Amino acid sequence: MWTDLSLTIEILIWTIHIIIKKILSIRFEDFVLKHEETAREMLSFIGISKDSRATNPRYKVEDSRKNIGLWKSYPNQKVIDRIATELKDYLFC
């Protein structure tokens, strides 16, 4: 027999499970260095075929390559360390 609390908890668990399954985490580095593979994964995740994909003439993979690891040259690494600490749940390194 379900109690109101156990039913609420069960619904909450299933809701979280569904939400988590609906999030695709993509690393910037993968999007740039393995662009075609990552783009296919993203399109598949949202249910769009590659044939329907419009290209963006303003985005150039080659231009984004220079931004990989840019944070390492930031002069104030204490700021980078704080970001890593404060947002560790949202970063994947």
N, C-alpha and C. Protein backbone atom coordinates (compact mmCIF):
# COMPACT_ATOMS: atom_id res chain seq x y z
N MET A 1 0.86 -1.19 0.00
CA MET A 1 0.00 0.00 0.00
C MET A 1 0.89 1.24 0.00
N TRP A 2 0.60 2.13 -0.93
CA TRP A 2 1.37 3.36 -1.03
C TRP A 2 0.85 4.38 -0.02
N THR A 3 1.77 5.00 0.65
CA THR A 3 1.38 6.15 1.47
C THR A 3 1.63 7.38 0.62
N ASP A 4 1.07 8.48 1.01
CA ASP A 4 1.28 9.71 0.25
C ASP A 4 2.76 10.04 0.13
N LEU A 5 3.49 9.86 1.23
CA LEU A 5 4.92 10.19 1.22
C LEU A 5 5.70 9.23 0.33
N SER A 6 5.44 7.94 0.42
CA SER A 6 6.20 7.00 -0.41
C SER A 6 5.87 7.18 -1.89
N LEU A 7 4.64 7.51 -2.21
CA LEU A 7 4.27 7.77 -3.60
C LEU A 7 4.96 9.03 -4.10
N THR A 8 4.99 10.06 -3.28
CA THR A 8 5.67 11.30 -3.64
C THR A 8 7.15 11.05 -3.88
N ILE A 9 7.78 10.28 -3.02
CA ILE A 9 9.20 9.96 -3.16
C ILE A 9 9.43 9.15 -4.44
N GLU A 10 8.59 8.18 -4.70
CA GLU A 10 8.72 7.36 -5.90
C GLU A 10 8.57 8.21 -7.17
N ILE A 11 7.61 9.10 -7.17
CA ILE A 11 7.41 10.00 -8.32
C ILE A 11 8.63 10.90 -8.49
N LEU A 12 9.15 11.42 -7.40
CA LEU A 12 10.33 12.28 -7.45
C LEU A 12 11.54 11.53 -8.01
N ILE A 13 11.74 10.30 -7.58
CA ILE A 13 12.86 9.48 -8.07
C ILE A 13 12.72 9.25 -9.58
N TRP A 14 11.54 8.89 -10.04
CA TRP A 14 11.33 8.66 -11.47
C TRP A 14 11.49 9.95 -12.26
N THR A 15 11.03 11.07 -11.72
CA THR A 15 11.17 12.36 -12.40
C THR A 15 12.65 12.71 -12.56
N ILE A 16 13.41 12.54 -11.52
CA ILE A 16 14.86 12.81 -11.59
C ILE A 16 15.51 11.88 -12.60
N HIS A 17 15.13 10.63 -12.59
CA HIS A 17 15.68 9.66 -13.54
C HIS A 17 15.40 10.08 -14.98
N ILE A 18 14.20 10.51 -15.23
CA ILE A 18 13.81 10.95 -16.59
C ILE A 18 14.57 12.21 -16.97
N ILE A 19 14.68 13.17 -16.07
CA ILE A 19 15.40 14.40 -16.36
C ILE A 19 16.87 14.12 -16.65
N ILE A 20 17.50 13.28 -15.85
CA ILE A 20 18.91 12.96 -16.06
C ILE A 20 19.11 12.31 -17.41
N LYS A 21 18.20 11.44 -17.81
CA LYS A 21 18.33 10.78 -19.11
C LYS A 21 18.15 11.76 -20.26
N LYS A 22 17.56 12.92 -20.00
CA LYS A 22 17.31 13.89 -21.05
C LYS A 22 18.40 14.95 -21.15
N ILE A 23 19.50 14.73 -20.48
CA ILE A 23 20.62 15.67 -20.54
C ILE A 23 21.79 14.99 -21.21
N LEU A 24 22.29 15.60 -22.23
CA LEU A 24 23.47 15.09 -22.92
C LEU A 24 24.62 16.04 -22.61
N SER A 25 25.63 15.54 -21.97
CA SER A 25 26.79 16.36 -21.64
C SER A 25 27.80 16.27 -22.77
N ILE A 26 28.20 17.42 -23.25
CA ILE A 26 29.17 17.51 -24.34
C ILE A 26 30.33 18.38 -23.88
N ARG A 27 31.52 17.87 -24.04
CA ARG A 27 32.71 18.66 -23.72
C ARG A 27 33.03 19.55 -24.91
N PHE A 28 33.43 20.79 -24.64
CA PHE A 28 33.82 21.72 -25.69
C PHE A 28 34.91 21.12 -26.56
N GLU A 29 35.87 20.48 -25.91
CA GLU A 29 36.99 19.89 -26.64
C GLU A 29 36.51 18.82 -27.62
N ASP A 30 35.54 18.01 -27.20
CA ASP A 30 35.00 16.99 -28.09
C ASP A 30 34.24 17.63 -29.26
N PHE A 31 33.50 18.68 -28.95
CA PHE A 31 32.74 19.36 -30.00
C PHE A 31 33.67 19.93 -31.06
N VAL A 32 34.84 20.38 -30.64
CA VAL A 32 35.79 20.96 -31.58
C VAL A 32 36.65 19.89 -32.25
N LEU A 33 37.27 19.02 -31.44
CA LEU A 33 38.24 18.07 -31.98
C LEU A 33 37.60 16.87 -32.66
N LYS A 34 36.41 16.51 -32.22
CA LYS A 34 35.67 15.39 -32.85
C LYS A 34 34.30 15.91 -33.28
N HIS A 35 34.33 16.98 -34.06
CA HIS A 35 33.11 17.73 -34.36
C HIS A 35 32.03 16.89 -35.03
N GLU A 36 32.37 16.20 -36.09
CA GLU A 36 31.35 15.42 -36.82
C GLU A 36 30.73 14.34 -35.94
N GLU A 37 31.58 13.62 -35.21
CA GLU A 37 31.09 12.56 -34.33
C GLU A 37 30.19 13.13 -33.23
N THR A 38 30.63 14.23 -32.61
CA THR A 38 29.86 14.84 -31.53
C THR A 38 28.57 15.44 -32.06
N ALA A 39 28.62 16.06 -33.22
CA ALA A 39 27.41 16.63 -33.82
C ALA A 39 26.39 15.53 -34.12
N ARG A 40 26.87 14.40 -34.65
CA ARG A 40 25.95 13.27 -34.91
C ARG A 40 25.32 12.78 -33.61
N GLU A 41 26.13 12.69 -32.55
CA GLU A 41 25.61 12.26 -31.25
C GLU A 41 24.55 13.22 -30.74
N MET A 42 24.80 14.51 -30.88
CA MET A 42 23.83 15.52 -30.44
C MET A 42 22.53 15.43 -31.24
N LEU A 43 22.65 15.31 -32.54
CA LEU A 43 21.47 15.23 -33.39
C LEU A 43 20.66 13.97 -33.10
N SER A 44 21.36 12.87 -32.91
CA SER A 44 20.68 11.62 -32.57
C SER A 44 19.94 11.74 -31.24
N PHE A 45 20.57 12.39 -30.27
CA PHE A 45 19.99 12.56 -28.94
C PHE A 45 18.67 13.33 -29.00
N ILE A 46 18.61 14.34 -29.87
CA ILE A 46 17.37 15.13 -29.95
C ILE A 46 16.45 14.66 -31.06
N GLY A 47 16.86 13.61 -31.76
CA GLY A 47 15.98 13.00 -32.74
C GLY A 47 15.92 13.70 -34.08
N ILE A 48 17.02 14.29 -34.49
CA ILE A 48 17.08 14.96 -35.79
C ILE A 48 18.06 14.20 -36.68
N SER A 49 17.66 13.97 -37.90
CA SER A 49 18.56 13.27 -38.82
C SER A 49 19.59 14.25 -39.36
N LYS A 50 20.73 13.73 -39.72
CA LYS A 50 21.80 14.58 -40.23
C LYS A 50 21.38 15.30 -41.50
N ASP A 51 20.53 14.66 -42.28
CA ASP A 51 20.09 15.27 -43.53
C ASP A 51 19.36 16.59 -43.31
N SER A 52 18.71 16.73 -42.16
CA SER A 52 17.94 17.95 -41.91
C SER A 52 18.79 19.02 -41.23
N ARG A 53 20.05 18.71 -40.99
CA ARG A 53 20.92 19.65 -40.27
C ARG A 53 21.31 20.80 -41.19
N ALA A 54 21.08 22.00 -40.72
CA ALA A 54 21.52 23.18 -41.45
C ALA A 54 22.92 23.52 -40.96
N THR A 55 23.77 23.91 -41.87
CA THR A 55 25.11 24.29 -41.46
C THR A 55 25.14 25.77 -41.11
N ASN A 56 26.00 26.13 -40.21
CA ASN A 56 26.14 27.51 -39.80
C ASN A 56 27.44 28.05 -40.40
N PRO A 57 27.34 28.88 -41.40
CA PRO A 57 28.56 29.36 -42.05
C PRO A 57 29.42 30.24 -41.15
N ARG A 58 28.87 30.72 -40.05
CA ARG A 58 29.66 31.55 -39.12
C ARG A 58 30.50 30.72 -38.17
N TYR A 59 30.14 29.45 -37.95
CA TYR A 59 30.92 28.60 -37.04
C TYR A 59 31.96 27.85 -37.84
N LYS A 60 33.20 28.01 -37.43
CA LYS A 60 34.30 27.31 -38.07
C LYS A 60 35.09 26.57 -37.01
N VAL A 61 35.12 25.26 -37.13
CA VAL A 61 35.81 24.41 -36.16
C VAL A 61 37.25 24.88 -35.98
N GLU A 62 37.89 25.23 -37.07
CA GLU A 62 39.30 25.63 -37.00
C GLU A 62 39.49 26.84 -36.09
N ASP A 63 38.54 27.76 -36.10
CA ASP A 63 38.65 28.95 -35.25
C ASP A 63 38.49 28.60 -33.77
N SER A 64 37.73 27.57 -33.47
CA SER A 64 37.51 27.19 -32.08
C SER A 64 38.70 26.43 -31.48
N ARG A 65 39.49 25.81 -32.32
CA ARG A 65 40.65 25.06 -31.82
C ARG A 65 41.57 25.92 -30.97
N LYS A 66 41.70 27.19 -31.32
CA LYS A 66 42.61 28.07 -30.58
C LYS A 66 42.11 28.35 -29.15
N ASN A 67 40.85 28.06 -28.88
CA ASN A 67 40.29 28.31 -27.55
C ASN A 67 40.44 27.12 -26.61
N ILE A 68 40.86 25.99 -27.12
CA ILE A 68 41.05 24.81 -26.27
C ILE A 68 42.23 25.05 -25.34
N GLY A 69 42.00 24.90 -24.06
CA GLY A 69 43.06 25.07 -23.07
C GLY A 69 43.44 26.51 -22.81
N LEU A 70 42.68 27.45 -23.36
CA LEU A 70 42.97 28.86 -23.18
C LEU A 70 43.01 29.26 -21.70
N TRP A 71 42.20 28.61 -20.90
CA TRP A 71 42.13 28.90 -19.47
C TRP A 71 43.49 28.72 -18.79
N LYS A 72 44.34 27.86 -19.34
CA LYS A 72 45.65 27.60 -18.72
C LYS A 72 46.56 28.83 -18.76
N SER A 73 46.32 29.72 -19.71
CA SER A 73 47.16 30.91 -19.84
C SER A 73 46.55 32.14 -19.16
N TYR A 74 45.41 31.95 -18.50
CA TYR A 74 44.78 33.07 -17.80
C TYR A 74 45.69 33.51 -16.66
N PRO A 75 45.99 34.81 -16.55
CA PRO A 75 46.99 35.27 -15.59
C PRO A 75 46.63 35.01 -14.12
N ASN A 76 45.35 35.05 -13.78
CA ASN A 76 44.96 34.86 -12.38
C ASN A 76 44.39 33.44 -12.20
N GLN A 77 45.26 32.49 -11.96
CA GLN A 77 44.83 31.10 -11.81
C GLN A 77 44.01 30.87 -10.55
N LYS A 78 44.06 31.81 -9.59
CA LYS A 78 43.21 31.69 -8.40
C LYS A 78 41.73 31.75 -8.81
N VAL A 79 41.43 32.56 -9.79
CA VAL A 79 40.05 32.66 -10.30
C VAL A 79 39.65 31.33 -10.93
N ILE A 80 40.55 30.75 -11.71
CA ILE A 80 40.28 29.46 -12.34
C ILE A 80 40.05 28.39 -11.27
N ASP A 81 40.89 28.39 -10.24
CA ASP A 81 40.74 27.43 -9.15
C ASP A 81 39.41 27.61 -8.43
N ARG A 82 39.00 28.86 -8.24
CA ARG A 82 37.71 29.11 -7.57
C ARG A 82 36.55 28.62 -8.42
N ILE A 83 36.62 28.88 -9.72
CA ILE A 83 35.58 28.39 -10.63
C ILE A 83 35.51 26.87 -10.55
N ALA A 84 36.67 26.22 -10.58
CA ALA A 84 36.71 24.76 -10.51
C ALA A 84 36.12 24.25 -9.21
N THR A 85 36.37 24.96 -8.11
CA THR A 85 35.85 24.54 -6.81
C THR A 85 34.35 24.80 -6.70
N GLU A 86 33.94 26.01 -7.05
CA GLU A 86 32.55 26.41 -6.89
C GLU A 86 31.60 25.69 -7.86
N LEU A 87 32.11 25.36 -9.03
CA LEU A 87 31.24 24.76 -10.05
C LEU A 87 31.61 23.32 -10.36
N LYS A 88 32.27 22.64 -9.44
CA LYS A 88 32.76 21.30 -9.71
C LYS A 88 31.66 20.32 -10.14
N ASP A 89 30.46 20.52 -9.69
CA ASP A 89 29.36 19.64 -10.08
C ASP A 89 28.93 19.84 -11.53
N TYR A 90 29.34 20.95 -12.11
CA TYR A 90 28.92 21.28 -13.47
C TYR A 90 30.05 21.17 -14.49
N LEU A 91 31.25 20.88 -14.02
CA LEU A 91 32.40 20.77 -14.90
C LEU A 91 32.77 19.33 -15.07
N PHE A 92 33.23 18.97 -16.23
CA PHE A 92 33.81 17.66 -16.37
C PHE A 92 35.20 17.82 -16.93
N CYS A 93 36.12 17.36 -16.15
CA CYS A 93 37.53 17.50 -16.52
C CYS A 93 38.14 16.12 -16.68
